[in-house]
C-alpha cells in the first residue's frame, strides 16, 4: 500500500474551502490528472455519496469510484476508492485563524494488478501521483484564494471557453 500526504495553508475561511473541495463539479478543475467526473450520486446525509472519475497518469487511464465513508462538514471528507486503484482518499481541514485553513490531502492506495503493475507503481507511478497530489493542493489554494470558483465565475469561464 502506498501512502501519500501533502499539506498547505489556504488563506480563506474553512467553510469556503470545504464548499469548494466537496463540489463534484469542481474536481476535474482542481485535481491534476482528472479529466472527467461522471455518475455523481448525492444523498442528504452525504455518507454514501458516489462519483466516478477518470484519472490519467503515465498514459494509463484509471476509472475510479469515490464513495464518501465519512463526512464531517467543514473538517473532513473520507472516500473509499475502488477501481484499478483501491484505497482511501482524505481531505482534512483545520481552522488556523479566522481567514486561514490548514488543508491536508492524504491517500492510501494500491494498484489492482500483477506484480509488474506493483513494481511500476513503486518505480514511476508513485512519483507521478505524489507530484499530482502536490499540484492538486496548489490548484485548490489558488482557486479558493483568488475566488475563481465563486458563484458565476466558473459558469462564466465555461461559457467563454465554449464560445471561442
N, C-alpha and C. Protein backbone atom coordinates (compact mmCIF):
# COMPACT_ATOMS: atom_id res chain seq x y z
N UNK A 1 0.86 -1.18 0.00
CA UNK A 1 0.00 0.00 0.00
C UNK A 1 0.90 1.24 0.00
N UNK A 2 0.58 2.17 -0.88
CA UNK A 2 1.31 3.43 -0.97
C UNK A 2 0.55 4.50 -0.20
N UNK A 3 1.27 5.28 0.58
CA UNK A 3 0.65 6.37 1.35
C UNK A 3 1.31 7.68 0.93
N UNK A 4 0.48 8.65 0.53
CA UNK A 4 0.96 9.97 0.16
C UNK A 4 0.19 11.00 0.98
N UNK A 5 0.88 12.09 1.37
CA UNK A 5 0.24 13.14 2.15
C UNK A 5 0.89 14.47 1.85
N UNK A 6 0.06 15.49 1.62
CA UNK A 6 0.53 16.85 1.35
C UNK A 6 -0.35 17.83 2.13
N UNK A 7 0.28 18.90 2.63
CA UNK A 7 -0.43 19.90 3.44
C UNK A 7 -0.03 21.30 3.01
N UNK A 8 -0.99 22.22 3.07
CA UNK A 8 -0.71 23.64 2.82
C UNK A 8 -1.70 24.48 3.61
N UNK A 9 -1.39 25.74 3.72
CA UNK A 9 -2.30 26.70 4.34
C UNK A 9 -2.98 27.49 3.23
N UNK A 10 -4.30 27.59 3.32
CA UNK A 10 -5.08 28.38 2.38
C UNK A 10 -5.66 29.56 3.15
N UNK A 11 -5.49 30.74 2.59
CA UNK A 11 -5.96 31.95 3.24
C UNK A 11 -7.41 32.22 2.84
N UNK A 12 -8.28 31.48 3.51
CA UNK A 12 -9.73 31.57 3.30
C UNK A 12 -10.40 30.86 4.48
N UNK A 13 -11.65 31.22 4.76
CA UNK A 13 -12.38 30.54 5.84
C UNK A 13 -12.58 29.05 5.53
N UNK A 14 -12.60 28.26 6.56
CA UNK A 14 -12.73 26.80 6.42
C UNK A 14 -13.99 26.42 5.64
N UNK A 15 -15.11 27.13 5.86
CA UNK A 15 -16.36 26.81 5.19
C UNK A 15 -16.24 26.97 3.66
N UNK A 16 -15.52 28.00 3.24
CA UNK A 16 -15.33 28.26 1.81
C UNK A 16 -14.48 27.17 1.17
N UNK A 17 -13.42 26.75 1.87
CA UNK A 17 -12.55 25.69 1.35
C UNK A 17 -13.33 24.39 1.25
N UNK A 18 -14.09 24.07 2.29
CA UNK A 18 -14.88 22.84 2.30
C UNK A 18 -15.88 22.83 1.16
N UNK A 19 -16.59 23.94 0.97
CA UNK A 19 -17.58 24.03 -0.10
C UNK A 19 -16.94 23.72 -1.46
N UNK A 20 -15.74 24.23 -1.67
CA UNK A 20 -15.06 24.02 -2.95
C UNK A 20 -14.66 22.56 -3.14
N UNK A 21 -13.98 21.96 -2.15
CA UNK A 21 -13.49 20.59 -2.34
C UNK A 21 -14.62 19.57 -2.31
N UNK A 22 -15.75 19.91 -1.71
CA UNK A 22 -16.89 18.99 -1.64
C UNK A 22 -17.72 18.99 -2.92
N UNK A 23 -17.51 19.94 -3.81
CA UNK A 23 -18.31 20.02 -5.03
C UNK A 23 -17.78 19.13 -6.13
N UNK A 24 -18.50 18.05 -6.49
CA UNK A 24 -18.03 17.16 -7.56
C UNK A 24 -17.76 17.91 -8.86
N UNK A 25 -18.52 18.99 -9.10
CA UNK A 25 -18.33 19.77 -10.32
C UNK A 25 -16.98 20.47 -10.36
N UNK A 26 -16.31 20.59 -9.22
CA UNK A 26 -15.01 21.26 -9.15
C UNK A 26 -13.83 20.31 -9.31
N UNK A 27 -14.03 19.03 -9.06
CA UNK A 27 -12.93 18.07 -9.01
C UNK A 27 -12.08 18.06 -10.28
N UNK A 28 -12.70 17.99 -11.44
CA UNK A 28 -11.92 17.96 -12.69
C UNK A 28 -11.21 19.28 -12.94
N UNK A 29 -11.64 20.34 -12.29
CA UNK A 29 -10.97 21.64 -12.44
C UNK A 29 -9.71 21.71 -11.59
N UNK A 30 -9.73 21.16 -10.38
CA UNK A 30 -8.57 21.31 -9.49
C UNK A 30 -7.68 20.07 -9.41
N UNK A 31 -8.21 18.89 -9.63
CA UNK A 31 -7.43 17.66 -9.43
C UNK A 31 -6.60 17.34 -10.67
N UNK A 32 -5.29 17.42 -10.53
CA UNK A 32 -4.37 17.15 -11.63
C UNK A 32 -4.50 15.69 -12.04
N UNK A 33 -4.68 15.46 -13.34
CA UNK A 33 -4.82 14.10 -13.87
C UNK A 33 -6.26 13.66 -14.02
N UNK A 34 -7.20 14.38 -13.40
CA UNK A 34 -8.62 14.04 -13.52
C UNK A 34 -9.19 14.78 -14.72
N UNK A 35 -9.67 14.02 -15.69
CA UNK A 35 -10.21 14.64 -16.89
C UNK A 35 -11.73 14.70 -16.90
N UNK A 36 -12.36 13.87 -16.06
CA UNK A 36 -13.83 13.82 -16.11
C UNK A 36 -14.38 13.27 -14.81
N UNK A 37 -15.50 13.85 -14.38
CA UNK A 37 -16.26 13.33 -13.24
C UNK A 37 -17.64 13.00 -13.78
N UNK A 38 -18.11 11.81 -13.49
CA UNK A 38 -19.42 11.38 -14.00
C UNK A 38 -20.11 10.54 -12.94
N UNK A 39 -21.33 10.16 -13.23
CA UNK A 39 -22.10 9.28 -12.34
C UNK A 39 -22.07 9.75 -10.89
N UNK A 40 -22.45 11.01 -10.69
CA UNK A 40 -22.49 11.60 -9.36
C UNK A 40 -23.83 11.28 -8.72
N UNK A 41 -23.78 10.76 -7.50
CA UNK A 41 -24.98 10.46 -6.75
C UNK A 41 -24.81 11.04 -5.35
N UNK A 42 -25.65 12.03 -5.01
CA UNK A 42 -25.55 12.68 -3.71
C UNK A 42 -26.76 12.34 -2.86
N UNK A 43 -26.53 12.23 -1.57
CA UNK A 43 -27.59 11.95 -0.62
C UNK A 43 -27.69 13.10 0.38
N UNK A 44 -28.74 13.09 1.16
CA UNK A 44 -28.94 14.14 2.16
C UNK A 44 -27.88 14.09 3.26
N UNK A 45 -27.48 12.89 3.67
CA UNK A 45 -26.50 12.75 4.75
C UNK A 45 -25.06 12.73 4.25
N UNK A 46 -24.87 12.57 2.97
CA UNK A 46 -23.57 12.59 2.28
C UNK A 46 -22.74 11.32 2.43
N UNK A 47 -22.82 10.62 3.55
CA UNK A 47 -22.12 9.34 3.65
C UNK A 47 -22.82 8.41 2.67
N UNK A 48 -22.05 7.87 1.73
CA UNK A 48 -22.63 7.06 0.66
C UNK A 48 -22.69 7.81 -0.67
N UNK A 49 -22.40 9.12 -0.67
CA UNK A 49 -22.33 9.86 -1.94
C UNK A 49 -21.27 9.20 -2.82
N UNK A 50 -21.54 9.17 -4.12
CA UNK A 50 -20.64 8.49 -5.07
C UNK A 50 -20.34 9.41 -6.24
N UNK A 51 -19.10 9.34 -6.72
CA UNK A 51 -18.75 9.95 -8.00
C UNK A 51 -17.70 9.06 -8.65
N UNK A 52 -17.77 8.96 -9.96
CA UNK A 52 -16.79 8.20 -10.72
C UNK A 52 -15.97 9.21 -11.49
N UNK A 53 -14.66 9.06 -11.42
CA UNK A 53 -13.80 9.98 -12.14
C UNK A 53 -12.78 9.24 -12.99
N UNK A 54 -12.32 9.91 -14.02
CA UNK A 54 -11.30 9.37 -14.90
C UNK A 54 -9.99 10.07 -14.57
N UNK A 55 -9.01 9.28 -14.15
CA UNK A 55 -7.69 9.78 -13.75
C UNK A 55 -6.65 9.17 -14.68
N UNK A 56 -5.76 10.00 -15.20
CA UNK A 56 -4.72 9.52 -16.09
C UNK A 56 -3.35 9.88 -15.53
N UNK A 57 -2.46 8.90 -15.51
CA UNK A 57 -1.08 9.11 -15.08
C UNK A 57 -0.19 8.18 -15.88
N UNK A 58 0.91 8.71 -16.39
CA UNK A 58 1.85 7.95 -17.21
C UNK A 58 1.16 7.30 -18.42
N UNK A 59 0.16 7.98 -18.96
CA UNK A 59 -0.54 7.47 -20.12
C UNK A 59 -1.52 6.35 -19.81
N UNK A 60 -1.65 5.98 -18.55
CA UNK A 60 -2.58 4.92 -18.15
C UNK A 60 -3.83 5.56 -17.57
N UNK A 61 -4.99 5.12 -18.05
CA UNK A 61 -6.26 5.66 -17.61
C UNK A 61 -6.87 4.77 -16.54
N UNK A 62 -7.32 5.41 -15.48
CA UNK A 62 -7.97 4.72 -14.37
C UNK A 62 -9.37 5.30 -14.20
N UNK A 63 -10.39 4.47 -14.26
CA UNK A 63 -11.75 4.90 -13.92
C UNK A 63 -11.99 4.46 -12.49
N UNK A 64 -12.10 5.45 -11.61
CA UNK A 64 -12.17 5.18 -10.18
C UNK A 64 -13.48 5.68 -9.59
N UNK A 65 -14.04 4.90 -8.68
CA UNK A 65 -15.25 5.31 -7.99
C UNK A 65 -14.89 5.75 -6.57
N UNK A 66 -15.33 6.95 -6.22
CA UNK A 66 -15.12 7.50 -4.88
C UNK A 66 -16.46 7.47 -4.16
N UNK A 67 -16.49 6.84 -2.98
CA UNK A 67 -17.69 6.77 -2.16
C UNK A 67 -17.37 7.37 -0.80
N UNK A 68 -18.09 8.42 -0.40
CA UNK A 68 -17.85 9.03 0.91
C UNK A 68 -18.17 8.02 2.00
N UNK A 69 -17.20 7.79 2.87
CA UNK A 69 -17.40 6.93 4.03
C UNK A 69 -17.47 7.75 5.32
N UNK A 70 -16.92 8.97 5.27
CA UNK A 70 -17.02 9.91 6.40
C UNK A 70 -17.25 11.29 5.83
N UNK A 71 -18.13 12.03 6.49
CA UNK A 71 -18.46 13.38 6.04
C UNK A 71 -18.73 14.20 7.29
N UNK A 72 -17.81 15.10 7.61
CA UNK A 72 -17.96 15.94 8.79
C UNK A 72 -17.71 17.38 8.37
N UNK A 73 -18.77 18.06 7.95
CA UNK A 73 -18.67 19.44 7.46
C UNK A 73 -18.34 20.36 8.63
N UNK A 74 -17.35 21.20 8.55
CA UNK A 74 -16.46 21.55 7.45
C UNK A 74 -15.03 21.03 7.63
N UNK A 75 -14.85 19.89 8.26
CA UNK A 75 -13.48 19.48 8.58
C UNK A 75 -12.97 18.21 7.91
N UNK A 76 -13.85 17.35 7.41
CA UNK A 76 -13.36 16.05 6.95
C UNK A 76 -14.22 15.43 5.85
N UNK A 77 -13.54 14.95 4.81
CA UNK A 77 -14.15 14.13 3.77
C UNK A 77 -13.26 12.90 3.60
N UNK A 78 -13.83 11.73 3.73
CA UNK A 78 -13.07 10.49 3.51
C UNK A 78 -13.82 9.67 2.48
N UNK A 79 -13.10 9.25 1.46
CA UNK A 79 -13.69 8.45 0.39
C UNK A 79 -12.99 7.11 0.29
N UNK A 80 -13.80 6.08 0.05
CA UNK A 80 -13.27 4.77 -0.33
C UNK A 80 -13.11 4.80 -1.84
N UNK A 81 -11.95 4.39 -2.32
CA UNK A 81 -11.67 4.40 -3.75
C UNK A 81 -11.68 2.96 -4.26
N UNK A 82 -12.44 2.72 -5.32
CA UNK A 82 -12.46 1.40 -5.94
C UNK A 82 -12.28 1.54 -7.44
N UNK A 83 -11.67 0.55 -8.03
CA UNK A 83 -11.36 0.55 -9.45
C UNK A 83 -10.01 -0.13 -9.62
N UNK A 84 -9.22 0.34 -10.57
CA UNK A 84 -7.89 -0.24 -10.76
C UNK A 84 -6.94 0.14 -9.63
N UNK A 85 -7.23 1.27 -8.98
CA UNK A 85 -6.55 1.65 -7.75
C UNK A 85 -7.58 1.54 -6.64
N UNK A 86 -7.20 0.92 -5.55
CA UNK A 86 -8.12 0.81 -4.42
C UNK A 86 -7.46 1.44 -3.20
N UNK A 87 -8.28 1.98 -2.33
CA UNK A 87 -7.74 2.58 -1.11
C UNK A 87 -8.68 3.63 -0.57
N UNK A 88 -8.08 4.68 0.02
CA UNK A 88 -8.86 5.77 0.61
C UNK A 88 -8.26 7.11 0.20
N UNK A 89 -9.11 8.13 0.24
CA UNK A 89 -8.68 9.49 -0.03
C UNK A 89 -9.29 10.38 1.04
N UNK A 90 -8.44 11.15 1.73
CA UNK A 90 -8.89 12.02 2.82
C UNK A 90 -8.63 13.49 2.47
N UNK A 91 -9.61 14.32 2.80
CA UNK A 91 -9.43 15.77 2.80
C UNK A 91 -9.68 16.20 4.24
N UNK A 92 -8.64 16.74 4.88
CA UNK A 92 -8.73 17.14 6.28
C UNK A 92 -8.50 18.65 6.35
N UNK A 93 -9.45 19.36 6.95
CA UNK A 93 -9.37 20.81 7.07
C UNK A 93 -9.33 21.19 8.55
N UNK A 94 -8.48 22.16 8.86
CA UNK A 94 -8.37 22.64 10.24
C UNK A 94 -8.28 24.16 10.21
N UNK A 95 -9.18 24.81 10.96
CA UNK A 95 -9.19 26.26 11.04
C UNK A 95 -7.97 26.71 11.83
N UNK A 96 -7.10 27.53 11.21
CA UNK A 96 -5.93 28.05 11.90
C UNK A 96 -6.18 29.45 12.45
N UNK A 97 -6.95 30.26 11.73
CA UNK A 97 -7.33 31.61 12.12
C UNK A 97 -8.64 31.91 11.40
N UNK A 98 -9.17 33.11 11.61
CA UNK A 98 -10.47 33.44 11.02
C UNK A 98 -10.48 33.28 9.50
N UNK A 99 -9.38 33.56 8.86
CA UNK A 99 -9.32 33.53 7.41
C UNK A 99 -8.16 32.64 6.94
N UNK A 100 -7.92 31.56 7.67
CA UNK A 100 -6.77 30.71 7.39
C UNK A 100 -7.11 29.25 7.71
N UNK A 101 -6.95 28.38 6.71
CA UNK A 101 -7.31 26.97 6.86
C UNK A 101 -6.14 26.08 6.47
N UNK A 102 -5.79 25.15 7.34
CA UNK A 102 -4.78 24.14 7.04
C UNK A 102 -5.48 23.01 6.30
N UNK A 103 -4.99 22.67 5.10
CA UNK A 103 -5.61 21.64 4.28
C UNK A 103 -4.61 20.51 4.07
N UNK A 104 -5.04 19.29 4.36
CA UNK A 104 -4.21 18.11 4.15
C UNK A 104 -4.95 17.15 3.23
N UNK A 105 -4.26 16.71 2.19
CA UNK A 105 -4.76 15.65 1.30
C UNK A 105 -3.94 14.41 1.58
N UNK A 106 -4.62 13.30 1.86
CA UNK A 106 -3.95 12.03 2.12
C UNK A 106 -4.58 10.95 1.27
N UNK A 107 -3.73 10.08 0.76
CA UNK A 107 -4.26 8.94 0.03
C UNK A 107 -3.45 7.70 0.39
N UNK A 108 -4.14 6.61 0.53
CA UNK A 108 -3.55 5.28 0.69
C UNK A 108 -4.13 4.46 -0.45
N UNK A 109 -3.26 3.90 -1.28
CA UNK A 109 -3.80 3.16 -2.42
C UNK A 109 -2.85 2.03 -2.82
N UNK A 110 -3.42 1.12 -3.57
CA UNK A 110 -2.62 0.11 -4.25
C UNK A 110 -3.27 -0.16 -5.60
N UNK A 111 -2.43 -0.58 -6.52
CA UNK A 111 -2.93 -0.89 -7.86
C UNK A 111 -3.33 -2.35 -7.89
N UNK A 112 -4.55 -2.59 -8.37
CA UNK A 112 -5.05 -3.95 -8.50
C UNK A 112 -4.52 -4.48 -9.83
N UNK A 113 -3.41 -5.17 -9.77
CA UNK A 113 -2.81 -5.69 -10.99
C UNK A 113 -1.76 -6.73 -10.64
N UNK A 114 -0.97 -7.03 -11.61
CA UNK A 114 0.08 -8.04 -11.47
C UNK A 114 1.26 -7.49 -10.67
N UNK A 115 2.23 -8.35 -10.43
CA UNK A 115 3.47 -7.94 -9.77
C UNK A 115 4.16 -6.86 -10.60
N UNK A 116 4.05 -6.94 -11.91
CA UNK A 116 4.64 -5.93 -12.78
C UNK A 116 4.00 -4.56 -12.53
N UNK A 117 2.68 -4.55 -12.38
CA UNK A 117 1.96 -3.31 -12.09
C UNK A 117 2.39 -2.71 -10.77
N UNK A 118 2.56 -3.56 -9.77
CA UNK A 118 3.00 -3.07 -8.46
C UNK A 118 4.42 -2.53 -8.53
N UNK A 119 5.27 -3.16 -9.31
CA UNK A 119 6.65 -2.66 -9.48
C UNK A 119 6.64 -1.33 -10.22
N UNK A 120 5.79 -1.21 -11.24
CA UNK A 120 5.66 0.04 -11.98
C UNK A 120 5.24 1.15 -11.03
N UNK A 121 4.30 0.85 -10.12
CA UNK A 121 3.85 1.84 -9.16
C UNK A 121 5.03 2.32 -8.31
N UNK A 122 5.80 1.40 -7.81
CA UNK A 122 6.91 1.79 -6.94
C UNK A 122 7.95 2.62 -7.69
N UNK A 123 8.17 2.31 -8.93
CA UNK A 123 9.21 3.00 -9.69
C UNK A 123 8.76 4.34 -10.26
N UNK A 124 7.59 4.40 -10.82
CA UNK A 124 7.18 5.58 -11.56
C UNK A 124 5.88 6.22 -11.08
N UNK A 125 4.84 5.43 -11.01
CA UNK A 125 3.51 5.97 -10.73
C UNK A 125 3.45 6.67 -9.37
N UNK A 126 4.13 6.13 -8.38
CA UNK A 126 4.11 6.76 -7.07
C UNK A 126 4.67 8.18 -7.13
N UNK A 127 5.75 8.39 -7.88
CA UNK A 127 6.32 9.74 -8.02
C UNK A 127 5.36 10.67 -8.74
N UNK A 128 4.74 10.17 -9.80
CA UNK A 128 3.78 10.99 -10.55
C UNK A 128 2.59 11.33 -9.66
N UNK A 129 2.07 10.35 -8.94
CA UNK A 129 0.93 10.59 -8.05
C UNK A 129 1.28 11.59 -6.95
N UNK A 130 2.49 11.52 -6.44
CA UNK A 130 2.92 12.46 -5.40
C UNK A 130 2.95 13.89 -5.95
N UNK A 131 3.51 14.06 -7.13
CA UNK A 131 3.55 15.38 -7.78
C UNK A 131 2.13 15.87 -8.10
N UNK A 132 1.28 14.97 -8.58
CA UNK A 132 -0.10 15.35 -8.89
C UNK A 132 -0.85 15.79 -7.64
N UNK A 133 -0.61 15.11 -6.51
CA UNK A 133 -1.26 15.48 -5.26
C UNK A 133 -0.79 16.87 -4.82
N UNK A 134 0.49 17.11 -4.95
CA UNK A 134 1.06 18.42 -4.60
C UNK A 134 0.48 19.53 -5.50
N UNK A 135 0.40 19.27 -6.78
CA UNK A 135 -0.16 20.25 -7.71
C UNK A 135 -1.66 20.46 -7.48
N UNK A 136 -2.36 19.39 -7.15
CA UNK A 136 -3.78 19.49 -6.84
C UNK A 136 -3.99 20.41 -5.65
N UNK A 137 -3.20 20.24 -4.63
CA UNK A 137 -3.30 21.10 -3.44
C UNK A 137 -3.01 22.55 -3.82
N UNK A 138 -2.03 22.77 -4.68
CA UNK A 138 -1.73 24.12 -5.16
C UNK A 138 -2.88 24.72 -5.95
N UNK A 139 -3.54 23.89 -6.76
CA UNK A 139 -4.71 24.36 -7.53
C UNK A 139 -5.85 24.76 -6.61
N UNK A 140 -6.11 23.94 -5.59
CA UNK A 140 -7.17 24.27 -4.62
C UNK A 140 -6.85 25.61 -3.97
N UNK A 141 -5.61 25.77 -3.54
CA UNK A 141 -5.17 27.00 -2.89
C UNK A 141 -5.40 28.21 -3.82
N UNK A 142 -4.93 28.12 -5.04
CA UNK A 142 -5.06 29.22 -5.99
C UNK A 142 -6.52 29.54 -6.30
N UNK A 143 -7.33 28.51 -6.55
CA UNK A 143 -8.71 28.74 -6.94
C UNK A 143 -9.55 29.31 -5.80
N UNK A 144 -9.30 28.85 -4.58
CA UNK A 144 -10.06 29.36 -3.43
C UNK A 144 -9.58 30.76 -3.06
N UNK A 145 -8.28 30.96 -2.97
CA UNK A 145 -7.77 32.27 -2.55
C UNK A 145 -8.10 33.38 -3.54
N UNK A 146 -8.14 33.08 -4.81
CA UNK A 146 -8.46 34.10 -5.81
C UNK A 146 -9.96 34.27 -6.01
N UNK A 147 -10.75 33.36 -5.44
CA UNK A 147 -12.19 33.42 -5.62
C UNK A 147 -12.63 32.95 -6.99
N UNK A 148 -11.75 32.26 -7.68
CA UNK A 148 -12.01 31.81 -9.05
C UNK A 148 -13.29 30.99 -9.16
N UNK A 149 -13.58 30.18 -8.16
CA UNK A 149 -14.71 29.26 -8.26
C UNK A 149 -16.03 29.86 -7.78
N UNK A 150 -16.02 31.03 -7.23
CA UNK A 150 -17.23 31.58 -6.62
C UNK A 150 -18.36 31.70 -7.61
N UNK A 151 -19.56 31.79 -7.09
CA UNK A 151 -20.79 31.80 -7.89
C UNK A 151 -20.67 32.63 -9.15
N UNK A 152 -20.98 32.00 -10.26
CA UNK A 152 -21.00 32.69 -11.53
C UNK A 152 -19.68 32.69 -12.27
N UNK A 153 -18.56 32.71 -11.54
CA UNK A 153 -17.26 32.80 -12.22
C UNK A 153 -16.95 31.55 -13.01
N UNK A 154 -17.21 30.38 -12.45
CA UNK A 154 -16.94 29.13 -13.16
C UNK A 154 -17.86 29.03 -14.37
N UNK A 155 -19.13 29.34 -14.19
CA UNK A 155 -20.07 29.28 -15.30
C UNK A 155 -19.67 30.27 -16.39
N UNK A 156 -19.28 31.49 -16.01
CA UNK A 156 -18.86 32.48 -17.00
C UNK A 156 -17.62 32.02 -17.75
N UNK A 157 -16.65 31.45 -17.04
CA UNK A 157 -15.42 30.97 -17.69
C UNK A 157 -15.75 29.84 -18.66
N UNK A 158 -16.68 28.97 -18.29
CA UNK A 158 -17.06 27.87 -19.16
C UNK A 158 -17.74 28.40 -20.42
N UNK A 159 -18.62 29.37 -20.28
CA UNK A 159 -19.30 29.96 -21.44
C UNK A 159 -18.30 30.60 -22.38
N UNK A 160 -17.30 31.31 -21.82
CA UNK A 160 -16.29 31.96 -22.65
C UNK A 160 -15.49 30.93 -23.44
N UNK A 161 -15.13 29.83 -22.78
CA UNK A 161 -14.35 28.78 -23.44
C UNK A 161 -15.15 28.15 -24.57
N UNK A 162 -16.42 27.88 -24.34
CA UNK A 162 -17.28 27.26 -25.34
C UNK A 162 -17.48 28.21 -26.52
N UNK A 163 -17.61 29.49 -26.24
CA UNK A 163 -17.86 30.47 -27.30
C UNK A 163 -16.67 30.65 -28.23
N UNK A 164 -15.47 30.38 -27.74
CA UNK A 164 -14.26 30.62 -28.54
C UNK A 164 -14.04 29.59 -29.60
